[in-house]
N, C-alpha and C. Protein backbone atom coordinates (compact mmCIF):
# COMPACT_ATOMS: atom_id res chain seq x y z
N MET A 1 -18.29 -46.22 -3.07
CA MET A 1 -18.53 -45.89 -4.52
C MET A 1 -17.37 -46.51 -5.44
N ALA A 2 -17.74 -47.28 -6.16
CA ALA A 2 -16.87 -48.09 -7.22
C ALA A 2 -16.80 -47.32 -8.42
N VAL A 3 -15.63 -47.10 -8.85
CA VAL A 3 -15.58 -46.29 -10.23
C VAL A 3 -15.80 -47.22 -11.42
N ASP A 4 -16.46 -46.57 -12.47
CA ASP A 4 -16.68 -47.50 -13.68
C ASP A 4 -15.35 -47.60 -14.51
N ALA A 5 -15.54 -48.53 -15.44
CA ALA A 5 -14.35 -48.93 -16.23
C ALA A 5 -13.70 -47.67 -16.95
N ALA A 6 -14.34 -46.92 -17.43
CA ALA A 6 -13.82 -45.74 -18.06
C ALA A 6 -13.04 -44.67 -17.10
N THR A 7 -13.58 -44.46 -16.14
CA THR A 7 -12.82 -43.56 -15.05
C THR A 7 -11.63 -44.35 -14.59
N ALA A 8 -11.78 -45.69 -14.41
CA ALA A 8 -10.68 -46.54 -13.95
C ALA A 8 -9.42 -46.33 -14.89
N ARG A 9 -9.73 -46.33 -16.18
CA ARG A 9 -8.75 -46.32 -17.25
C ARG A 9 -8.09 -45.03 -17.05
N MET A 10 -8.82 -43.82 -17.04
CA MET A 10 -8.35 -42.49 -16.83
C MET A 10 -7.36 -42.42 -15.70
N LEU A 11 -7.84 -42.94 -14.54
CA LEU A 11 -7.10 -42.82 -13.19
C LEU A 11 -5.84 -43.65 -13.49
N ALA A 12 -5.77 -44.80 -14.18
CA ALA A 12 -4.59 -45.46 -14.33
C ALA A 12 -3.60 -44.71 -15.39
N GLU A 13 -4.26 -44.08 -16.05
CA GLU A 13 -3.39 -43.18 -17.07
C GLU A 13 -2.66 -42.08 -16.37
N ALA A 14 -3.43 -41.48 -15.69
CA ALA A 14 -2.83 -40.37 -14.73
C ALA A 14 -1.77 -40.96 -13.69
N TYR A 15 -2.11 -42.14 -13.16
CA TYR A 15 -1.27 -42.83 -12.39
C TYR A 15 0.23 -43.26 -13.16
N VAL A 16 0.01 -43.92 -14.20
CA VAL A 16 1.33 -44.33 -14.96
C VAL A 16 2.13 -43.18 -15.39
N GLU A 17 1.43 -42.14 -15.92
CA GLU A 17 2.11 -40.82 -16.41
C GLU A 17 2.98 -40.18 -15.25
N THR A 18 2.37 -40.16 -13.88
CA THR A 18 2.97 -39.64 -12.89
C THR A 18 4.15 -40.44 -12.40
N VAL A 19 3.90 -41.70 -12.43
CA VAL A 19 4.96 -42.68 -11.96
C VAL A 19 6.20 -42.51 -12.57
N GLY A 20 5.93 -42.61 -14.14
CA GLY A 20 6.76 -42.64 -15.10
C GLY A 20 7.79 -41.25 -14.88
N GLU A 21 7.07 -40.12 -14.57
CA GLU A 21 7.80 -38.75 -14.61
C GLU A 21 8.66 -38.83 -13.20
N ALA A 22 8.03 -39.43 -12.11
CA ALA A 22 8.90 -39.47 -10.93
C ALA A 22 10.10 -40.50 -10.95
N LEU A 23 9.87 -41.54 -11.57
CA LEU A 23 11.02 -42.44 -11.72
C LEU A 23 12.06 -41.91 -12.72
N ALA A 24 11.55 -41.07 -13.75
CA ALA A 24 12.63 -40.44 -14.72
C ALA A 24 13.39 -39.54 -13.92
N GLN A 25 12.78 -38.78 -12.79
CA GLN A 25 13.46 -37.85 -12.03
C GLN A 25 14.32 -38.55 -10.98
N GLY A 26 14.49 -39.97 -10.99
CA GLY A 26 15.40 -40.57 -9.92
C GLY A 26 14.57 -41.05 -8.72
N GLN A 27 13.38 -40.82 -8.65
CA GLN A 27 12.71 -41.13 -7.35
C GLN A 27 12.60 -42.58 -7.36
N SER A 28 12.57 -43.09 -5.97
CA SER A 28 12.53 -44.70 -5.82
C SER A 28 10.91 -45.05 -6.40
N ALA A 29 10.74 -46.30 -6.46
CA ALA A 29 9.48 -46.90 -6.77
C ALA A 29 8.45 -46.54 -5.77
N ASP A 30 8.79 -46.54 -4.56
CA ASP A 30 7.88 -46.25 -3.49
C ASP A 30 7.45 -44.85 -3.44
N VAL A 31 8.25 -43.85 -3.65
CA VAL A 31 7.96 -42.42 -3.97
C VAL A 31 7.22 -42.30 -5.02
N ALA A 32 7.71 -42.91 -6.02
CA ALA A 32 6.82 -42.77 -7.50
C ALA A 32 5.44 -43.20 -7.24
N HIS A 33 5.17 -44.39 -6.54
CA HIS A 33 3.88 -44.90 -6.39
C HIS A 33 3.00 -43.88 -5.65
N ARG A 34 3.63 -43.43 -4.42
CA ARG A 34 2.81 -42.39 -3.66
C ARG A 34 2.52 -41.29 -4.46
N GLU A 35 3.30 -40.76 -5.44
CA GLU A 35 3.05 -39.58 -6.16
C GLU A 35 1.88 -39.95 -7.08
N GLY A 36 1.93 -41.10 -7.79
CA GLY A 36 0.96 -41.62 -8.73
C GLY A 36 -0.40 -41.73 -8.12
N VAL A 37 -0.39 -42.30 -6.86
CA VAL A 37 -1.76 -42.36 -6.26
C VAL A 37 -2.27 -41.04 -5.99
N THR A 38 -1.40 -40.07 -5.45
CA THR A 38 -1.91 -38.71 -5.20
C THR A 38 -2.43 -38.01 -6.41
N ALA A 39 -1.74 -38.22 -7.53
CA ALA A 39 -2.15 -37.58 -8.78
C ALA A 39 -3.49 -38.15 -9.09
N ALA A 40 -3.56 -39.40 -9.06
CA ALA A 40 -4.89 -40.01 -9.62
C ALA A 40 -6.11 -39.67 -8.67
N ALA A 41 -5.76 -39.75 -7.34
CA ALA A 41 -6.90 -39.25 -6.31
C ALA A 41 -7.13 -37.85 -6.53
N MET A 42 -6.23 -37.03 -6.79
CA MET A 42 -6.58 -35.46 -7.09
C MET A 42 -7.55 -35.44 -8.40
N PHE A 43 -7.06 -36.18 -9.41
CA PHE A 43 -7.85 -36.17 -10.58
C PHE A 43 -9.40 -36.78 -10.27
N LEU A 44 -9.58 -37.65 -9.58
CA LEU A 44 -11.06 -38.26 -9.24
C LEU A 44 -11.65 -37.26 -8.43
N ALA A 45 -10.93 -36.73 -7.39
CA ALA A 45 -11.62 -35.78 -6.60
C ALA A 45 -12.13 -34.54 -7.36
N SER A 46 -11.25 -34.03 -8.31
CA SER A 46 -11.72 -32.98 -9.22
C SER A 46 -12.96 -33.31 -10.10
N MET A 47 -12.89 -34.56 -10.61
CA MET A 47 -14.10 -35.09 -11.48
C MET A 47 -15.30 -35.43 -10.75
N ASN A 48 -15.21 -35.92 -9.60
CA ASN A 48 -16.52 -36.39 -8.81
C ASN A 48 -16.82 -35.61 -7.57
N GLY A 49 -15.96 -34.60 -7.24
CA GLY A 49 -16.39 -33.88 -6.10
C GLY A 49 -16.02 -34.58 -4.84
N LEU A 50 -15.33 -35.76 -4.82
CA LEU A 50 -15.16 -36.52 -3.64
C LEU A 50 -14.17 -35.71 -2.69
N GLU A 51 -14.19 -36.04 -1.36
CA GLU A 51 -13.23 -35.53 -0.54
C GLU A 51 -11.94 -36.30 -0.72
N ASP A 52 -10.76 -35.63 -0.58
CA ASP A 52 -9.48 -36.20 -0.85
C ASP A 52 -9.30 -37.53 -0.43
N ALA A 53 -9.58 -37.77 0.97
CA ALA A 53 -9.38 -39.05 1.47
C ALA A 53 -10.11 -40.17 0.78
N GLN A 54 -11.52 -39.95 0.47
CA GLN A 54 -12.38 -40.90 -0.19
C GLN A 54 -11.68 -41.19 -1.52
N ALA A 55 -11.24 -40.16 -2.19
CA ALA A 55 -10.74 -40.40 -3.53
C ALA A 55 -9.56 -41.24 -3.50
N ARG A 56 -8.65 -40.92 -2.49
CA ARG A 56 -7.46 -41.89 -2.42
C ARG A 56 -7.86 -43.35 -2.11
N VAL A 57 -8.85 -43.53 -1.39
CA VAL A 57 -9.47 -44.95 -0.92
C VAL A 57 -9.80 -45.52 -2.24
N GLU A 58 -10.56 -44.77 -3.06
CA GLU A 58 -10.96 -45.21 -4.47
C GLU A 58 -9.80 -45.75 -5.32
N VAL A 59 -8.83 -44.76 -5.42
CA VAL A 59 -7.70 -45.08 -6.28
C VAL A 59 -6.82 -46.47 -5.67
N GLU A 60 -6.66 -46.32 -4.48
CA GLU A 60 -5.98 -47.52 -3.96
C GLU A 60 -6.60 -48.77 -4.12
N ALA A 61 -8.01 -48.88 -3.98
CA ALA A 61 -8.84 -50.00 -4.49
C ALA A 61 -8.45 -50.51 -5.81
N LEU A 62 -7.95 -49.79 -6.63
CA LEU A 62 -7.78 -50.22 -8.11
C LEU A 62 -6.42 -51.14 -8.29
N GLY A 63 -5.63 -51.00 -6.86
CA GLY A 63 -4.39 -51.81 -6.84
C GLY A 63 -3.22 -51.61 -7.91
N LEU A 64 -3.27 -50.24 -8.21
CA LEU A 64 -2.28 -49.75 -9.20
C LEU A 64 -0.86 -50.02 -8.59
N LYS A 65 0.23 -50.39 -9.41
CA LYS A 65 1.52 -50.59 -8.91
C LYS A 65 2.48 -50.16 -9.96
N PRO A 66 3.70 -49.55 -9.72
CA PRO A 66 4.70 -49.27 -10.71
C PRO A 66 5.03 -50.43 -11.45
N LYS A 67 5.42 -50.31 -12.89
CA LYS A 67 6.03 -51.47 -13.43
C LYS A 67 7.57 -51.51 -13.23
N ASP A 68 8.01 -52.59 -13.07
CA ASP A 68 9.54 -52.73 -13.00
C ASP A 68 10.18 -52.66 -14.14
């Protein structure tokens, strides 16, 4: 299941917000990335009723990365 453009934008926003918060708290980029993926996956799972693992696969497929 590929996500549509609007959903991808919402997931990216959830990811970026979570990564920013984690980095502001002094977390490493790797930890912030994992937290961002988790947040976006939880958001997707709640929206579409996907299992957590499948939601994570969908989010990871978006190729989101923390900005340096």
